């Protein structure tokens, strides 16, 4: 199972936007398919507001993106 770690600072809106852009551009390297990301973007915004430390987004059965939030 492939996991991509994206680190974003929970205090910086630009970091949330950077993670959002990553998801908007995410493309499966094997199938080349691109997944809808609107709900994922909403989840990122929610966790940045709630200051949770991470969220794992299931893109499909084999791929995950783990958003790791760090205080910096």
PDB file of N, CA and C in Angstrom:
ATOM      1  N   UNK A   1       0.834  -1.178   0.000  1.00  0.00           N
ATOM      2  CA  UNK A   1       0.000   0.000   0.000  1.00  0.00           C
ATOM      3  C   UNK A   1       0.885   1.250   0.000  1.00  0.00           C
ATOM      4  N   UNK A   2       0.724   2.067  -1.010  1.00  0.00           N
ATOM      5  CA  UNK A   2       1.540   3.272  -1.125  1.00  0.00           C
ATOM      6  C   UNK A   2       0.901   4.402  -0.346  1.00  0.00           C
ATOM      7  N   UNK A   3       1.716   5.090   0.418  1.00  0.00           N
ATOM      8  CA  UNK A   3       1.236   6.241   1.178  1.00  0.00           C
ATOM      9  C   UNK A   3       2.126   7.432   0.878  1.00  0.00           C
ATOM     10  N   UNK A   4       1.509   8.535   0.553  1.00  0.00           N
ATOM     11  CA  UNK A   4       2.241   9.770   0.327  1.00  0.00           C
ATOM     12  C   UNK A   4       2.031  10.665   1.535  1.00  0.00           C
ATOM     13  N   UNK A   5       3.112  11.173   2.080  1.00  0.00           N
ATOM     14  CA  UNK A   5       3.014  12.059   3.239  1.00  0.00           C
ATOM     15  C   UNK A   5       3.121  13.503   2.751  1.00  0.00           C
ATOM     16  N   UNK A   6       2.139  14.294   3.119  1.00  0.00           N
ATOM     17  CA  UNK A   6       2.179  15.719   2.823  1.00  0.00           C
ATOM     18  C   UNK A   6       2.149  16.431   4.159  1.00  0.00           C
ATOM     19  N   UNK A   7       3.154  17.216   4.452  1.00  0.00           N
ATOM     20  CA  UNK A   7       3.208  17.915   5.732  1.00  0.00           C
ATOM     21  C   UNK A   7       2.733  19.349   5.537  1.00  0.00           C
ATOM     22  N   UNK A   8       1.778  19.737   6.362  1.00  0.00           N
ATOM     23  CA  UNK A   8       1.321  21.127   6.297  1.00  0.00           C
ATOM     24  C   UNK A   8       1.277  21.712   7.689  1.00  0.00           C
ATOM     25  N   UNK A   9       1.651  22.956   7.812  1.00  0.00           N
ATOM     26  CA  UNK A   9       1.637  23.623   9.107  1.00  0.00           C
ATOM     27  C   UNK A   9       0.228  24.072   9.446  1.00  0.00           C
ATOM     28  N   UNK A  10      -0.230  23.724  10.649  1.00  0.00           N
ATOM     29  CA  UNK A  10      -1.616  24.012  10.978  1.00  0.00           C
ATOM     30  C   UNK A  10      -1.879  25.492  11.231  1.00  0.00           C
ATOM     31  N   UNK A  11      -0.826  26.280  11.367  1.00  0.00           N
ATOM     32  CA  UNK A  11      -1.027  27.703  11.631  1.00  0.00           C
ATOM     33  C   UNK A  11      -0.976  28.569  10.374  1.00  0.00           C
ATOM     34  N   UNK A  12      -0.723  27.969   9.234  1.00  0.00           N
ATOM     35  CA  UNK A  12      -0.501  28.774   8.042  1.00  0.00           C
ATOM     36  C   UNK A  12      -1.480  28.392   6.944  1.00  0.00           C
ATOM     37  N   UNK A  13      -2.306  29.347   6.578  1.00  0.00           N
ATOM     38  CA  UNK A  13      -3.298  29.118   5.529  1.00  0.00           C
ATOM     39  C   UNK A  13      -2.631  28.717   4.214  1.00  0.00           C
ATOM     40  N   UNK A  14      -1.469  29.276   3.924  1.00  0.00           N
ATOM     41  CA  UNK A  14      -0.789  28.944   2.680  1.00  0.00           C
ATOM     42  C   UNK A  14      -0.403  27.465   2.634  1.00  0.00           C
ATOM     43  N   UNK A  15      -0.115  26.888   3.796  1.00  0.00           N
ATOM     44  CA  UNK A  15       0.229  25.470   3.842  1.00  0.00           C
ATOM     45  C   UNK A  15      -0.994  24.611   3.550  1.00  0.00           C
ATOM     46  N   UNK A  16      -2.149  25.026   4.038  1.00  0.00           N
ATOM     47  CA  UNK A  16      -3.383  24.311   3.728  1.00  0.00           C
ATOM     48  C   UNK A  16      -3.649  24.398   2.228  1.00  0.00           C
ATOM     49  N   UNK A  17      -3.425  25.571   1.664  1.00  0.00           N
ATOM     50  CA  UNK A  17      -3.629  25.747   0.232  1.00  0.00           C
ATOM     51  C   UNK A  17      -2.664  24.880  -0.568  1.00  0.00           C
ATOM     52  N   UNK A  18      -1.434  24.733  -0.077  1.00  0.00           N
ATOM     53  CA  UNK A  18      -0.453  23.915  -0.776  1.00  0.00           C
ATOM     54  C   UNK A  18      -0.876  22.442  -0.790  1.00  0.00           C
ATOM     55  N   UNK A  19      -1.379  21.969   0.340  1.00  0.00           N
ATOM     56  CA  UNK A  19      -1.864  20.589   0.399  1.00  0.00           C
ATOM     57  C   UNK A  19      -3.092  20.420  -0.497  1.00  0.00           C
ATOM     58  N   UNK A  20      -3.929  21.444  -0.532  1.00  0.00           N
ATOM     59  CA  UNK A  20      -5.102  21.418  -1.395  1.00  0.00           C
ATOM     60  C   UNK A  20      -4.685  21.313  -2.854  1.00  0.00           C
ATOM     61  N   UNK A  21      -3.680  22.104  -3.240  1.00  0.00           N
ATOM     62  CA  UNK A  21      -3.188  22.059  -4.610  1.00  0.00           C
ATOM     63  C   UNK A  21      -2.610  20.692  -4.944  1.00  0.00           C
ATOM     64  N   UNK A  22      -1.932  20.070  -3.984  1.00  0.00           N
ATOM     65  CA  UNK A  22      -1.403  18.730  -4.195  1.00  0.00           C
ATOM     66  C   UNK A  22      -2.541  17.773  -4.545  1.00  0.00           C
ATOM     67  N   UNK A  23      -3.610  17.831  -3.783  1.00  0.00           N
ATOM     68  CA  UNK A  23      -4.729  16.924  -4.027  1.00  0.00           C
ATOM     69  C   UNK A  23      -5.430  17.233  -5.341  1.00  0.00           C
ATOM     70  N   UNK A  24      -5.520  18.510  -5.689  1.00  0.00           N
ATOM     71  CA  UNK A  24      -6.157  18.870  -6.950  1.00  0.00           C
ATOM     72  C   UNK A  24      -5.382  18.303  -8.132  1.00  0.00           C
ATOM     73  N   UNK A  25      -4.073  18.211  -7.983  1.00  0.00           N
ATOM     74  CA  UNK A  25      -3.229  17.746  -9.078  1.00  0.00           C
ATOM     75  C   UNK A  25      -2.894  16.261  -8.979  1.00  0.00           C
ATOM     76  N   UNK A  26      -3.386  15.601  -7.900  1.00  0.00           N
ATOM     77  CA  UNK A  26      -3.025  14.202  -7.692  1.00  0.00           C
ATOM     78  C   UNK A  26      -3.469  13.348  -8.870  1.00  0.00           C
ATOM     79  N   UNK A  27      -2.549  12.539  -9.359  1.00  0.00           N
ATOM     80  CA  UNK A  27      -2.864  11.628 -10.450  1.00  0.00           C
ATOM     81  C   UNK A  27      -2.248  10.282 -10.107  1.00  0.00           C
ATOM     82  N   UNK A  28      -3.035   9.244 -10.216  1.00  0.00           N
ATOM     83  CA  UNK A  28      -2.545   7.909  -9.907  1.00  0.00           C
ATOM     84  C   UNK A  28      -1.437   7.540 -10.886  1.00  0.00           C
ATOM     85  N   UNK A  29      -0.239   7.214 -10.373  1.00  0.00           N
ATOM     86  CA  UNK A  29       0.882   6.935 -11.267  1.00  0.00           C
ATOM     87  C   UNK A  29       0.705   5.655 -12.076  1.00  0.00           C
ATOM     88  N   UNK A  30      -0.123   4.740 -11.617  1.00  0.00           N
ATOM     89  CA  UNK A  30      -0.317   3.477 -12.333  1.00  0.00           C
ATOM     90  C   UNK A  30      -1.419   3.598 -13.383  1.00  0.00           C
ATOM     91  N   UNK A  31      -2.604   3.991 -12.941  1.00  0.00           N
ATOM     92  CA  UNK A  31      -3.743   4.029 -13.869  1.00  0.00           C
ATOM     93  C   UNK A  31      -3.863   5.369 -14.594  1.00  0.00           C
ATOM     94  N   UNK A  32      -3.243   6.406 -14.028  1.00  0.00           N
ATOM     95  CA  UNK A  32      -3.346   7.729 -14.639  1.00  0.00           C
ATOM     96  C   UNK A  32      -4.659   8.428 -14.338  1.00  0.00           C
ATOM     97  N   UNK A  33      -5.507   7.781 -13.538  1.00  0.00           N
ATOM     98  CA  UNK A  33      -6.798   8.393 -13.236  1.00  0.00           C
ATOM     99  C   UNK A  33      -6.639   9.489 -12.191  1.00  0.00           C
ATOM    100  N   UNK A  34      -7.549  10.418 -12.243  1.00  0.00           N
ATOM    101  CA  UNK A  34      -7.540  11.515 -11.285  1.00  0.00           C
ATOM    102  C   UNK A  34      -8.831  11.433 -10.487  1.00  0.00           C
ATOM    103  N   UNK A  35      -8.731  11.540  -9.180  1.00  0.00           N
ATOM    104  CA  UNK A  35      -9.903  11.378  -8.315  1.00  0.00           C
ATOM    105  C   UNK A  35     -10.515  12.733  -7.993  1.00  0.00           C
ATOM    106  N   UNK A  36     -11.833  12.781  -7.823  1.00  0.00           N
ATOM    107  CA  UNK A  36     -12.457  14.031  -7.382  1.00  0.00           C
ATOM    108  C   UNK A  36     -11.943  14.400  -5.997  1.00  0.00           C
ATOM    109  N   UNK A  37     -11.678  15.666  -5.783  1.00  0.00           N
ATOM    110  CA  UNK A  37     -11.016  16.043  -4.533  1.00  0.00           C
ATOM    111  C   UNK A  37     -11.778  17.062  -3.702  1.00  0.00           C
ATOM    112  N   UNK A  38     -12.975  17.431  -4.110  1.00  0.00           N
ATOM    113  CA  UNK A  38     -13.692  18.478  -3.382  1.00  0.00           C
ATOM    114  C   UNK A  38     -13.896  18.080  -1.922  1.00  0.00           C
ATOM    115  N   UNK A  39     -14.340  16.847  -1.670  1.00  0.00           N
ATOM    116  CA  UNK A  39     -14.576  16.447  -0.283  1.00  0.00           C
ATOM    117  C   UNK A  39     -13.265  16.356   0.480  1.00  0.00           C
ATOM    118  N   UNK A  40     -12.178  16.017  -0.190  1.00  0.00           N
ATOM    119  CA  UNK A  40     -10.878  15.943   0.470  1.00  0.00           C
ATOM    120  C   UNK A  40     -10.422  17.337   0.885  1.00  0.00           C
ATOM    121  N   UNK A  41     -10.646  18.288   0.012  1.00  0.00           N
ATOM    122  CA  UNK A  41     -10.264  19.673   0.313  1.00  0.00           C
ATOM    123  C   UNK A  41     -11.035  20.171   1.531  1.00  0.00           C
ATOM    124  N   UNK A  42     -12.313  19.827   1.605  1.00  0.00           N
ATOM    125  CA  UNK A  42     -13.117  20.212   2.764  1.00  0.00           C
ATOM    126  C   UNK A  42     -12.575  19.566   4.032  1.00  0.00           C
ATOM    127  N   UNK A  43     -12.120  18.311   3.935  1.00  0.00           N
ATOM    128  CA  UNK A  43     -11.556  17.626   5.095  1.00  0.00           C
ATOM    129  C   UNK A  43     -10.280  18.317   5.556  1.00  0.00           C
ATOM    130  N   UNK A  44      -9.462  18.764   4.613  1.00  0.00           N
ATOM    131  CA  UNK A  44      -8.221  19.454   4.981  1.00  0.00           C
ATOM    132  C   UNK A  44      -8.545  20.744   5.730  1.00  0.00           C
ATOM    133  N   UNK A  45      -9.515  21.482   5.220  1.00  0.00           N
ATOM    134  CA  UNK A  45      -9.899  22.728   5.878  1.00  0.00           C
ATOM    135  C   UNK A  45     -10.413  22.449   7.282  1.00  0.00           C
ATOM    136  N   UNK A  46     -11.183  21.381   7.412  1.00  0.00           N
ATOM    137  CA  UNK A  46     -11.744  21.033   8.717  1.00  0.00           C
ATOM    138  C   UNK A  46     -10.654  20.652   9.706  1.00  0.00           C
ATOM    139  N   UNK A  47      -9.696  19.837   9.285  1.00  0.00           N
ATOM    140  CA  UNK A  47      -8.661  19.422  10.229  1.00  0.00           C
ATOM    141  C   UNK A  47      -7.732  20.569  10.574  1.00  0.00           C
ATOM    142  N   UNK A  48      -7.539  21.503   9.637  1.00  0.00           N
ATOM    143  CA  UNK A  48      -6.682  22.635   9.969  1.00  0.00           C
ATOM    144  C   UNK A  48      -7.358  23.514  11.014  1.00  0.00           C
ATOM    145  N   UNK A  49      -8.678  23.584  10.973  1.00  0.00           N
ATOM    146  CA  UNK A  49      -9.404  24.374  11.966  1.00  0.00           C
ATOM    147  C   UNK A  49      -9.458  23.659  13.314  1.00  0.00           C
ATOM    148  N   UNK A  50      -9.577  22.329  13.272  1.00  0.00           N
ATOM    149  CA  UNK A  50      -9.691  21.561  14.513  1.00  0.00           C
ATOM    150  C   UNK A  50      -8.336  21.165  15.089  1.00  0.00           C
ATOM    151  N   UNK A  51      -7.281  21.441  14.341  1.00  0.00           N
ATOM    152  CA  UNK A  51      -5.906  21.171  14.759  1.00  0.00           C
ATOM    153  C   UNK A  51      -5.673  19.696  15.101  1.00  0.00           C
ATOM    154  N   UNK A  52      -6.275  18.819  14.332  1.00  0.00           N
ATOM    155  CA  UNK A  52      -5.942  17.403  14.459  1.00  0.00           C
ATOM    156  C   UNK A  52      -4.557  17.193  13.867  1.00  0.00           C
ATOM    157  N   UNK A  53      -3.907  16.098  14.244  1.00  0.00           N
ATOM    158  CA  UNK A  53      -2.514  15.963  13.830  1.00  0.00           C
ATOM    159  C   UNK A  53      -2.326  15.273  12.487  1.00  0.00           C
ATOM    160  N   UNK A  54      -3.337  14.550  12.003  1.00  0.00           N
ATOM    161  CA  UNK A  54      -3.203  13.937  10.684  1.00  0.00           C
ATOM    162  C   UNK A  54      -4.558  13.475  10.174  1.00  0.00           C
ATOM    163  N   UNK A  55      -4.604  13.247   8.887  1.00  0.00           N
ATOM    164  CA  UNK A  55      -5.788  12.667   8.267  1.00  0.00           C
ATOM    165  C   UNK A  55      -5.297  11.792   7.120  1.00  0.00           C
ATOM    166  N   UNK A  56      -5.914  10.657   6.945  1.00  0.00           N
ATOM    167  CA  UNK A  56      -5.574   9.793   5.822  1.00  0.00           C
ATOM    168  C   UNK A  56      -6.750   9.785   4.856  1.00  0.00           C
ATOM    169  N   UNK A  57      -6.459  10.067   3.615  1.00  0.00           N
ATOM    170  CA  UNK A  57      -7.484  10.141   2.587  1.00  0.00           C
ATOM    171  C   UNK A  57      -7.345   8.925   1.683  1.00  0.00           C
ATOM    172  N   UNK A  58      -8.398   8.164   1.556  1.00  0.00           N
ATOM    173  CA  UNK A  58      -8.387   6.994   0.681  1.00  0.00           C
ATOM    174  C   UNK A  58      -8.716   7.462  -0.740  1.00  0.00           C
ATOM    175  N   UNK A  59      -7.744   7.359  -1.635  1.00  0.00           N
ATOM    176  CA  UNK A  59      -7.982   7.749  -3.016  1.00  0.00           C
ATOM    177  C   UNK A  59      -8.595   6.602  -3.800  1.00  0.00           C
ATOM    178  N   UNK A  60      -8.179   5.392  -3.510  1.00  0.00           N
ATOM    179  CA  UNK A  60      -8.797   4.195  -4.067  1.00  0.00           C
ATOM    180  C   UNK A  60      -8.373   3.023  -3.196  1.00  0.00           C
ATOM    181  N   UNK A  61      -8.549   1.805  -3.664  1.00  0.00           N
ATOM    182  CA  UNK A  61      -8.260   0.632  -2.839  1.00  0.00           C
ATOM    183  C   UNK A  61      -6.795   0.510  -2.458  1.00  0.00           C
ATOM    184  N   UNK A  62      -5.902   1.000  -3.294  1.00  0.00           N
ATOM    185  CA  UNK A  62      -4.477   0.782  -3.058  1.00  0.00           C
ATOM    186  C   UNK A  62      -3.716   2.042  -2.704  1.00  0.00           C
ATOM    187  N   UNK A  63      -4.285   3.192  -2.958  1.00  0.00           N
ATOM    188  CA  UNK A  63      -3.554   4.439  -2.756  1.00  0.00           C
ATOM    189  C   UNK A  63      -4.151   5.246  -1.624  1.00  0.00           C
ATOM    190  N   UNK A  64      -3.279   5.820  -0.823  1.00  0.00           N
ATOM    191  CA  UNK A  64      -3.713   6.707   0.253  1.00  0.00           C
ATOM    192  C   UNK A  64      -2.847   7.947   0.243  1.00  0.00           C
ATOM    193  N   UNK A  65      -3.415   9.047   0.617  1.00  0.00           N
ATOM    194  CA  UNK A  65      -2.627  10.249   0.884  1.00  0.00           C
ATOM    195  C   UNK A  65      -2.816  10.561   2.360  1.00  0.00           C
ATOM    196  N   UNK A  66      -1.717  10.611   3.084  1.00  0.00           N
ATOM    197  CA  UNK A  66      -1.783  10.971   4.497  1.00  0.00           C
ATOM    198  C   UNK A  66      -1.349  12.418   4.635  1.00  0.00           C
ATOM    199  N   UNK A  67      -2.242  13.230   5.131  1.00  0.00           N
ATOM    200  CA  UNK A  67      -1.921  14.624   5.395  1.00  0.00           C
ATOM    201  C   UNK A  67      -1.450  14.690   6.843  1.00  0.00           C
ATOM    202  N   UNK A  68      -0.192  14.986   7.034  1.00  0.00           N
ATOM    203  CA  UNK A  68       0.389  15.048   8.372  1.00  0.00           C
ATOM    204  C   UNK A  68       0.525  16.510   8.752  1.00  0.00           C
ATOM    205  N   UNK A  69      -0.194  16.913   9.782  1.00  0.00           N
ATOM    206  CA  UNK A  69      -0.148  18.302  10.221  1.00  0.00           C
ATOM    207  C   UNK A  69       0.924  18.464  11.282  1.00  0.00           C
ATOM    208  N   UNK A  70       1.723  19.499  11.138  1.00  0.00           N
ATOM    209  CA  UNK A  70       2.805  19.743  12.087  1.00  0.00           C
ATOM    210  C   UNK A  70       2.748  21.183  12.558  1.00  0.00           C
ATOM    211  N   UNK A  71       3.045  21.382  13.794  1.00  0.00           N
ATOM    212  CA  UNK A  71       3.132  22.740  14.333  1.00  0.00           C
ATOM    213  C   UNK A  71       4.542  23.247  14.055  1.00  0.00           C
ATOM    214  N   UNK A  72       4.643  24.351  13.306  1.00  0.00           N
ATOM    215  CA  UNK A  72       5.967  24.944  13.079  1.00  0.00           C
ATOM    216  C   UNK A  72       5.854  26.421  12.808  1.00  0.00           C
TER     217      UNK A  72
END
